[in-house]
Amino acid sequence: NLLLHLPQVDKVTGRFNGQFKTYAICGAIRRMGESDDSILRLAKNDSVIAK
């Protein structure tokens, strides 16, 4: 299993705001080779990265 904590950044200051977005990817997803796509999809849905 994979647990990923991405720090959130204040859009004005560009500094870490003390919060994280957390994603958990199970072993079955990793074995299928879908981890990258899954994390990318989740991050886009949460506006962590541009769509």
N, C-alpha and C. Protein backbone atom coordinates (compact mmCIF):
# COMPACT_ATOMS: atom_id res chain seq x y z
N ASN A 1 0.83 -1.19 0.00
CA ASN A 1 0.00 0.00 0.00
C ASN A 1 0.87 1.24 0.00
N LEU A 2 0.28 2.33 -0.47
CA LEU A 2 0.99 3.60 -0.57
C LEU A 2 0.15 4.67 0.08
N LEU A 3 0.75 5.45 0.98
CA LEU A 3 0.09 6.58 1.61
C LEU A 3 0.90 7.82 1.28
N LEU A 4 0.28 8.77 0.61
CA LEU A 4 0.98 9.96 0.12
C LEU A 4 0.36 11.19 0.75
N HIS A 5 1.18 12.01 1.42
CA HIS A 5 0.72 13.26 2.02
C HIS A 5 1.33 14.41 1.20
N LEU A 6 0.48 15.17 0.53
CA LEU A 6 0.95 16.32 -0.24
C LEU A 6 0.68 17.59 0.55
N PRO A 7 1.72 18.38 0.84
CA PRO A 7 1.50 19.62 1.59
C PRO A 7 0.71 20.62 0.76
N GLN A 8 -0.19 21.35 1.43
CA GLN A 8 -0.95 22.38 0.75
C GLN A 8 -0.22 23.71 0.91
N VAL A 9 -0.28 24.51 -0.13
CA VAL A 9 0.46 25.77 -0.18
C VAL A 9 -0.52 26.92 -0.31
N ASP A 10 -0.28 27.98 0.44
CA ASP A 10 -1.09 29.19 0.33
C ASP A 10 -0.87 29.81 -1.05
N LYS A 11 -1.96 30.11 -1.74
CA LYS A 11 -1.85 30.62 -3.12
C LYS A 11 -1.24 32.01 -3.18
N VAL A 12 -1.36 32.79 -2.13
CA VAL A 12 -0.83 34.15 -2.12
C VAL A 12 0.65 34.17 -1.75
N THR A 13 0.99 33.49 -0.65
CA THR A 13 2.37 33.55 -0.16
C THR A 13 3.27 32.48 -0.74
N GLY A 14 2.66 31.38 -1.23
CA GLY A 14 3.45 30.28 -1.74
C GLY A 14 4.09 29.44 -0.64
N ARG A 15 3.60 29.62 0.59
CA ARG A 15 4.17 28.89 1.73
C ARG A 15 3.23 27.80 2.20
N PHE A 16 3.81 26.78 2.81
CA PHE A 16 3.06 25.67 3.39
C PHE A 16 2.09 26.22 4.44
N ASN A 17 0.81 25.79 4.35
CA ASN A 17 -0.20 26.32 5.27
C ASN A 17 -0.53 25.38 6.43
N GLY A 18 0.24 24.32 6.61
CA GLY A 18 0.03 23.41 7.73
C GLY A 18 -0.93 22.28 7.44
N GLN A 19 -1.49 22.23 6.24
CA GLN A 19 -2.44 21.19 5.90
C GLN A 19 -1.89 20.31 4.78
N PHE A 20 -2.45 19.10 4.69
CA PHE A 20 -2.03 18.14 3.68
C PHE A 20 -3.25 17.58 2.96
N LYS A 21 -3.06 17.16 1.73
CA LYS A 21 -4.01 16.29 1.02
C LYS A 21 -3.40 14.90 1.12
N THR A 22 -4.19 13.93 1.52
CA THR A 22 -3.69 12.58 1.71
C THR A 22 -4.37 11.64 0.73
N TYR A 23 -3.57 10.82 0.07
CA TYR A 23 -4.07 9.82 -0.86
C TYR A 23 -3.53 8.46 -0.45
N ALA A 24 -4.39 7.47 -0.47
CA ALA A 24 -4.00 6.09 -0.16
C ALA A 24 -4.28 5.24 -1.39
N ILE A 25 -3.27 4.51 -1.84
CA ILE A 25 -3.39 3.64 -3.01
C ILE A 25 -3.13 2.21 -2.54
N CYS A 26 -4.09 1.33 -2.79
CA CYS A 26 -3.97 -0.05 -2.31
C CYS A 26 -3.02 -0.86 -3.21
N GLY A 27 -2.58 -1.97 -2.67
CA GLY A 27 -1.65 -2.84 -3.38
C GLY A 27 -2.19 -3.35 -4.71
N ALA A 28 -3.50 -3.61 -4.79
CA ALA A 28 -4.08 -4.11 -6.04
C ALA A 28 -3.94 -3.09 -7.16
N ILE A 29 -4.15 -1.82 -6.85
CA ILE A 29 -3.99 -0.76 -7.86
C ILE A 29 -2.53 -0.67 -8.28
N ARG A 30 -1.64 -0.78 -7.32
CA ARG A 30 -0.21 -0.72 -7.63
C ARG A 30 0.22 -1.89 -8.51
N ARG A 31 -0.28 -3.09 -8.20
CA ARG A 31 0.08 -4.28 -8.99
C ARG A 31 -0.41 -4.16 -10.43
N MET A 32 -1.53 -3.48 -10.63
CA MET A 32 -2.06 -3.30 -11.98
C MET A 32 -1.32 -2.20 -12.74
N GLY A 33 -0.43 -1.48 -12.04
CA GLY A 33 0.31 -0.40 -12.68
C GLY A 33 -0.52 0.86 -12.87
N GLU A 34 -1.53 1.04 -12.04
CA GLU A 34 -2.45 2.17 -12.19
C GLU A 34 -2.21 3.28 -11.16
N SER A 35 -1.15 3.18 -10.38
CA SER A 35 -0.91 4.16 -9.32
C SER A 35 -0.77 5.58 -9.85
N ASP A 36 0.06 5.75 -10.87
CA ASP A 36 0.30 7.09 -11.41
C ASP A 36 -0.99 7.72 -11.92
N ASP A 37 -1.75 6.97 -12.70
CA ASP A 37 -3.00 7.49 -13.24
C ASP A 37 -3.99 7.81 -12.13
N SER A 38 -4.04 6.97 -11.11
CA SER A 38 -4.98 7.18 -10.00
C SER A 38 -4.63 8.44 -9.22
N ILE A 39 -3.36 8.61 -8.89
CA ILE A 39 -2.93 9.80 -8.15
C ILE A 39 -3.16 11.05 -8.98
N LEU A 40 -2.86 11.00 -10.26
CA LEU A 40 -3.08 12.15 -11.14
C LEU A 40 -4.55 12.52 -11.19
N ARG A 41 -5.42 11.53 -11.33
CA ARG A 41 -6.87 11.79 -11.39
C ARG A 41 -7.36 12.42 -10.09
N LEU A 42 -6.93 11.87 -8.95
CA LEU A 42 -7.34 12.41 -7.65
C LEU A 42 -6.83 13.84 -7.45
N ALA A 43 -5.58 14.07 -7.81
CA ALA A 43 -4.99 15.40 -7.65
C ALA A 43 -5.70 16.43 -8.53
N LYS A 44 -6.07 16.05 -9.73
CA LYS A 44 -6.81 16.96 -10.60
C LYS A 44 -8.19 17.26 -10.02
N ASN A 45 -8.87 16.23 -9.51
CA ASN A 45 -10.20 16.43 -8.92
C ASN A 45 -10.15 17.35 -7.71
N ASP A 46 -9.05 17.31 -6.96
CA ASP A 46 -8.89 18.15 -5.77
C ASP A 46 -8.21 19.48 -6.08
N SER A 47 -7.97 19.76 -7.35
CA SER A 47 -7.31 21.00 -7.80
C SER A 47 -5.91 21.17 -7.20
N VAL A 48 -5.25 20.04 -6.93
CA VAL A 48 -3.86 20.09 -6.47
C VAL A 48 -2.96 20.44 -7.65
N ILE A 49 -3.34 19.94 -8.84
CA ILE A 49 -2.64 20.29 -10.08
C ILE A 49 -3.67 20.75 -11.10
N ALA A 50 -3.21 21.45 -12.12
CA ALA A 50 -4.11 21.98 -13.14
C ALA A 50 -4.75 20.85 -13.93
N LYS A 51 -6.00 21.08 -14.33
CA LYS A 51 -6.73 20.06 -15.10
C LYS A 51 -6.38 20.12 -16.56
